[in-house]
């Protein structure tokens, strides 16, 4: 693994750990606490011993909001990719392995969902429901995200199904169900994982964009996009509340893309070996 990929991996591990264990970090301030209301906090304050990255325009701790914003982005992205791999990977593998009517039916449904613009659907549903909670956003995203995984899984399953070890398994009388779960799916998964890491980065950007334009998670819940949106009002006074979440978003997305590229190369080498 190249040194840059090692750095990206360490960054992602650290980010996931602090986001998951945010409630247990000693001394981490409440991300929604506005100290200036009670006279014990300052707005747009620079880094201090009590606020390592300073405070925003309503005296909330920036570091704390970065960590809790990471939790929102990671939950949103990982939930979408997880269900995409499970649902899309299984359906695509079934379609690519069994072929015939099964493949035609699965891909027809997939193409219908892919033909609908996901962003428009997400905005429409959140507007109609009048709710923008994280659970609602995750549920809508899962509905629209499994078709791309289905297409990737189908293409990979078609390739794997022609390999010698699958032909040998058929020749000795192994059932099709066992071949699917023992031979096809394990060889489809690495490709889906690499593709999923790329989509994790895309979903993180999507969540931040939605929060930036005001249709993501609801205020005051922390979000990187929401932090940038709120900080842009006072850029002439203090630029750091906007730079910190933007830089964190940039490093995180780059790390996921770099790791995904490395995994894709490893999957290609493994596929060539078999």
Protein backbone atom coordinates (compact mmCIF):
# COMPACT_ATOMS: atom_id res chain seq x y z
CA UNK A 1 0.00 0.00 0.00
CA UNK A 2 1.51 3.39 -1.00
CA UNK A 3 2.24 5.89 1.77
CA UNK A 4 -0.51 8.24 0.56
CA UNK A 5 -3.07 5.44 0.73
CA UNK A 6 -1.83 4.58 4.23
CA UNK A 7 -2.36 8.21 5.28
CA UNK A 8 -5.86 8.19 3.77
CA UNK A 9 -6.69 4.94 5.53
CA UNK A 10 -5.47 6.26 8.89
CA UNK A 11 -7.47 9.46 8.41
CA UNK A 12 -10.65 7.50 7.67
CA UNK A 13 -10.11 5.18 10.64
CA UNK A 14 -9.59 8.17 12.94
CA UNK A 15 -12.63 9.95 11.51
CA UNK A 16 -14.88 6.92 11.92
CA UNK A 17 -13.67 6.32 15.49
CA UNK A 18 -14.17 9.90 16.70
CA UNK A 19 -17.59 10.07 15.01
CA UNK A 20 -18.71 6.79 16.57
CA UNK A 21 -17.30 7.59 20.02
CA UNK A 22 -18.10 11.32 20.07
CA UNK A 23 -20.37 10.98 23.11
CA UNK A 24 -17.51 9.36 25.07
CA UNK A 25 -14.78 11.88 24.27
CA UNK A 26 -13.94 13.64 27.57
CA UNK A 27 -14.27 17.40 27.55
CA UNK A 28 -15.91 17.61 24.12
CA UNK A 29 -18.47 20.45 24.28
CA UNK A 30 -22.10 20.11 23.30
CA UNK A 31 -22.19 20.87 19.54
CA UNK A 32 -25.44 22.85 19.92
CA UNK A 33 -24.51 24.86 23.03
CA UNK A 34 -24.57 28.62 22.37
CA UNK A 35 -22.52 30.05 25.21
CA UNK A 36 -22.98 33.70 24.30
CA UNK A 37 -26.65 33.49 25.31
CA UNK A 38 -25.61 32.75 28.89
CA UNK A 39 -22.65 35.14 28.88
CA UNK A 40 -19.95 32.44 29.02
CA UNK A 41 -19.01 32.26 25.36
CA UNK A 42 -17.84 34.46 22.50
CA UNK A 43 -18.92 34.42 18.87
CA UNK A 44 -16.32 33.95 16.10
CA UNK A 45 -13.63 33.29 18.68
CA UNK A 46 -10.23 32.00 17.59
CA UNK A 47 -8.62 28.79 18.85
CA UNK A 48 -8.34 28.61 22.65
CA UNK A 49 -7.69 25.96 25.27
CA UNK A 50 -11.43 25.37 25.68
CA UNK A 51 -12.25 25.59 21.96
CA UNK A 52 -9.37 24.12 19.96
CA UNK A 53 -10.70 25.30 16.59
CA UNK A 54 -12.59 28.33 17.89
CA UNK A 55 -16.31 29.06 17.81
CA UNK A 56 -18.79 29.95 15.07
CA UNK A 57 -21.08 32.97 14.73
CA UNK A 58 -23.35 31.75 17.54
CA UNK A 59 -20.46 30.65 19.81
CA UNK A 60 -20.79 26.90 19.15
CA UNK A 61 -17.60 24.83 19.33
CA UNK A 62 -16.32 24.18 15.78
CA UNK A 63 -14.38 21.00 16.60
CA UNK A 64 -17.39 19.46 18.29
CA UNK A 65 -19.63 20.29 15.35
CA UNK A 66 -17.06 18.86 12.93
CA UNK A 67 -17.07 15.55 14.80
CA UNK A 68 -20.85 15.32 15.07
CA UNK A 69 -21.16 16.47 11.46
CA UNK A 70 -18.88 13.58 10.48
CA UNK A 71 -21.31 11.22 12.21
CA UNK A 72 -24.19 12.53 10.07
CA UNK A 73 -22.23 12.28 6.81
CA UNK A 74 -20.87 8.80 7.56
CA UNK A 75 -24.20 7.37 8.68
CA UNK A 76 -25.86 8.72 5.55
CA UNK A 77 -23.13 7.50 3.18
CA UNK A 78 -22.48 4.10 4.79
CA UNK A 79 -26.16 3.21 5.11
CA UNK A 80 -26.74 3.97 1.44
CA UNK A 81 -23.71 1.99 0.28
CA UNK A 82 -24.41 -0.93 2.64
CA UNK A 83 -27.93 -1.47 1.38
CA UNK A 84 -26.77 -0.80 -2.16
CA UNK A 85 -24.21 -3.62 -1.90
CA UNK A 86 -26.64 -6.01 -0.19
CA UNK A 87 -29.67 -5.39 -2.41
CA UNK A 88 -28.01 -4.41 -5.66
CA UNK A 89 -25.17 -6.91 -5.30
CA UNK A 90 -27.52 -9.82 -4.71
CA UNK A 91 -29.97 -8.88 -7.48
CA UNK A 92 -27.20 -8.15 -9.96
CA UNK A 93 -25.39 -11.40 -9.19
CA UNK A 94 -28.61 -13.37 -9.59
CA UNK A 95 -29.35 -11.64 -12.89
CA UNK A 96 -25.83 -12.18 -14.24
CA UNK A 97 -25.62 -15.81 -13.15
CA UNK A 98 -29.10 -17.17 -13.90
CA UNK A 99 -29.69 -15.07 -17.05
CA UNK A 100 -32.93 -15.54 -19.02
CA UNK A 101 -36.24 -14.26 -17.67
CA UNK A 102 -34.74 -13.46 -14.25
CA UNK A 103 -32.12 -11.18 -15.79
CA UNK A 104 -34.67 -9.47 -18.03
CA UNK A 105 -37.04 -8.78 -15.14
CA UNK A 106 -34.39 -7.51 -12.71
CA UNK A 107 -32.73 -5.24 -15.26
CA UNK A 108 -36.08 -3.86 -16.45
CA UNK A 109 -36.92 -2.69 -12.93
CA UNK A 110 -33.37 -1.38 -12.52
CA UNK A 111 -33.54 0.64 -15.73
CA UNK A 112 -36.89 2.16 -14.75
CA UNK A 113 -35.52 3.43 -11.43
CA UNK A 114 -32.30 4.63 -13.06
CA UNK A 115 -34.30 6.66 -15.56
CA UNK A 116 -35.71 8.82 -12.76
CA UNK A 117 -33.46 11.65 -11.49
CA UNK A 118 -32.58 10.72 -7.92
CA UNK A 119 -31.96 14.28 -6.72
CA UNK A 120 -35.37 15.43 -7.98
CA UNK A 121 -37.00 12.45 -6.28
CA UNK A 122 -35.20 13.17 -3.01
CA UNK A 123 -36.23 16.83 -3.04
CA UNK A 124 -39.81 15.92 -3.98
CA UNK A 125 -40.26 13.34 -1.23
CA UNK A 126 -38.71 15.51 1.50
CA UNK A 127 -40.91 18.42 0.43
CA UNK A 128 -44.06 16.30 0.37
CA UNK A 129 -43.31 14.70 3.73
CA UNK A 130 -42.29 18.02 5.26
CA UNK A 131 -39.45 16.24 7.07
CA UNK A 132 -35.71 16.34 6.51
CA UNK A 133 -34.45 14.01 9.21
CA UNK A 134 -31.45 11.79 8.68
CA UNK A 135 -33.61 8.66 8.67
CA UNK A 136 -35.82 10.05 5.89
CA UNK A 137 -32.83 11.02 3.77
CA UNK A 138 -31.26 7.58 4.24
CA UNK A 139 -34.45 5.76 3.28
CA UNK A 140 -34.93 7.78 0.09
CA UNK A 141 -31.28 7.35 -0.86
CA UNK A 142 -31.43 3.57 -0.40
CA UNK A 143 -34.34 3.40 -2.85
CA UNK A 144 -32.37 5.21 -5.55
CA UNK A 145 -28.89 3.81 -4.93
CA UNK A 146 -29.28 0.05 -5.36
CA UNK A 147 -29.80 0.08 -9.19
CA UNK A 148 -26.20 1.23 -9.99
CA UNK A 149 -24.88 -1.56 -7.77
CA UNK A 150 -27.13 -4.00 -9.62
CA UNK A 151 -25.62 -3.08 -12.95
CA UNK A 152 -22.06 -3.37 -11.65
CA UNK A 153 -22.80 -6.71 -9.96
CA UNK A 154 -24.48 -8.08 -13.08
CA UNK A 155 -21.51 -7.17 -15.30
CA UNK A 156 -19.06 -8.73 -12.83
CA UNK A 157 -21.22 -11.85 -12.38
CA UNK A 158 -21.37 -12.35 -16.16
CA UNK A 159 -17.56 -12.33 -16.23
CA UNK A 160 -17.18 -14.61 -13.22
CA UNK A 161 -19.76 -17.08 -14.54
CA UNK A 162 -17.50 -17.86 -17.49
CA UNK A 163 -14.46 -18.70 -15.34
CA UNK A 164 -13.07 -22.24 -15.19
CA UNK A 165 -13.84 -22.75 -11.49
CA UNK A 166 -17.54 -22.05 -12.08
CA UNK A 167 -17.58 -24.41 -15.05
CA UNK A 168 -15.88 -27.07 -12.92
CA UNK A 169 -18.43 -26.61 -10.14
CA UNK A 170 -21.23 -27.11 -12.63
CA UNK A 171 -19.51 -30.19 -14.07
CA UNK A 172 -19.38 -31.98 -10.70
CA UNK A 173 -23.08 -31.34 -10.13
CA UNK A 174 -22.96 -28.48 -7.60
CA UNK A 175 -26.35 -26.80 -7.28
CA UNK A 176 -26.77 -23.39 -8.86
CA UNK A 177 -27.63 -21.84 -5.51
CA UNK A 178 -24.36 -23.06 -3.97
CA UNK A 179 -22.36 -21.86 -6.96
CA UNK A 180 -23.99 -18.44 -6.63
CA UNK A 181 -23.16 -18.03 -2.95
CA UNK A 182 -19.80 -19.85 -2.87
CA UNK A 183 -18.24 -18.86 -6.18
CA UNK A 184 -20.01 -15.90 -7.77
CA UNK A 185 -20.86 -13.57 -4.88
CA UNK A 186 -17.41 -13.74 -3.18
CA UNK A 187 -15.80 -12.71 -6.47
CA UNK A 188 -18.35 -9.96 -7.13
CA UNK A 189 -17.94 -8.40 -3.67
CA UNK A 190 -14.43 -6.84 -4.14
CA UNK A 191 -15.62 -4.92 -7.20
CA UNK A 192 -18.73 -3.76 -5.35
CA UNK A 193 -16.63 -2.68 -2.37
CA UNK A 194 -14.36 -0.53 -4.53
CA UNK A 195 -17.38 0.96 -6.30
CA UNK A 196 -19.10 1.49 -2.95
CA UNK A 197 -16.18 3.48 -1.54
CA UNK A 198 -16.41 5.83 -4.53
CA UNK A 199 -20.13 6.25 -3.87
CA UNK A 200 -19.43 6.91 -0.18
CA UNK A 201 -17.47 9.97 -1.27
CA UNK A 202 -20.28 10.98 -3.65
CA UNK A 203 -22.92 10.59 -0.93
CA UNK A 204 -20.88 12.63 1.55
CA UNK A 205 -20.72 15.44 -1.01
CA UNK A 206 -24.45 15.04 -1.69
CA UNK A 207 -25.35 15.26 2.00
CA UNK A 208 -23.15 18.32 2.45
CA UNK A 209 -24.66 19.94 -0.63
CA UNK A 210 -28.21 19.32 0.55
CA UNK A 211 -27.38 20.77 3.97
CA UNK A 212 -25.66 23.76 2.36
CA UNK A 213 -28.75 24.67 0.33
CA UNK A 214 -31.04 24.08 3.32
CA UNK A 215 -32.76 20.80 2.41
CA UNK A 216 -30.50 18.40 4.30
CA UNK A 217 -30.65 17.57 8.00
CA UNK A 218 -32.54 20.13 10.03
CA UNK A 219 -30.93 22.87 12.07
CA UNK A 220 -29.37 22.78 14.68
CA UNK A 221 -28.06 19.27 13.86
CA UNK A 222 -24.42 19.54 12.85
CA UNK A 223 -23.50 18.99 9.21
CA UNK A 224 -20.41 19.98 7.27
CA UNK A 225 -22.45 21.60 4.52
CA UNK A 226 -24.62 23.39 7.04
CA UNK A 227 -21.54 24.70 8.84
CA UNK A 228 -20.17 26.18 5.61
CA UNK A 229 -23.56 27.73 4.83
CA UNK A 230 -23.85 29.36 8.25
CA UNK A 231 -20.21 30.52 8.23
CA UNK A 232 -20.45 32.26 4.84
CA UNK A 233 -22.52 35.02 6.44
CA UNK A 234 -19.49 36.21 8.43
CA UNK A 235 -16.60 35.46 6.07
CA UNK A 236 -15.32 39.04 6.33
CA UNK A 237 -15.16 38.70 10.13
CA UNK A 238 -13.88 35.14 10.55
CA UNK A 239 -13.08 32.75 7.72
CA UNK A 240 -12.09 29.73 9.85
CA UNK A 241 -15.61 28.41 10.58
CA UNK A 242 -15.95 27.87 6.83
CA UNK A 243 -12.43 26.62 6.14
CA UNK A 244 -12.38 23.86 8.76
CA UNK A 245 -15.49 21.95 7.56
CA UNK A 246 -14.57 22.53 3.90
CA UNK A 247 -11.04 21.16 4.48
CA UNK A 248 -12.39 18.18 6.43
CA UNK A 249 -14.82 17.43 3.60
CA UNK A 250 -12.05 17.71 1.01
CA UNK A 251 -9.64 15.39 2.87
CA UNK A 252 -12.36 12.84 3.59
CA UNK A 253 -13.62 12.65 0.01
CA UNK A 254 -10.07 12.44 -1.33
CA UNK A 255 -9.26 9.65 1.15
CA UNK A 256 -12.26 7.57 0.12
CA UNK A 257 -11.45 8.02 -3.56
CA UNK A 258 -7.79 7.15 -3.05
CA UNK A 259 -8.63 4.02 -1.05
CA UNK A 260 -11.25 3.00 -3.61
CA UNK A 261 -8.73 3.35 -6.42
CA UNK A 262 -6.24 1.15 -4.55
CA UNK A 263 -8.90 -1.51 -3.88
CA UNK A 264 -9.95 -1.41 -7.54
CA UNK A 265 -6.38 -2.15 -8.59
CA UNK A 266 -6.17 -5.01 -6.09
CA UNK A 267 -9.45 -6.44 -7.37
CA UNK A 268 -8.18 -6.23 -10.95
CA UNK A 269 -5.00 -8.11 -10.01
CA UNK A 270 -7.02 -10.77 -8.16
CA UNK A 271 -9.42 -11.13 -11.09
CA UNK A 272 -6.52 -11.60 -13.51
CA UNK A 273 -5.02 -14.25 -11.24
CA UNK A 274 -8.15 -16.40 -11.35
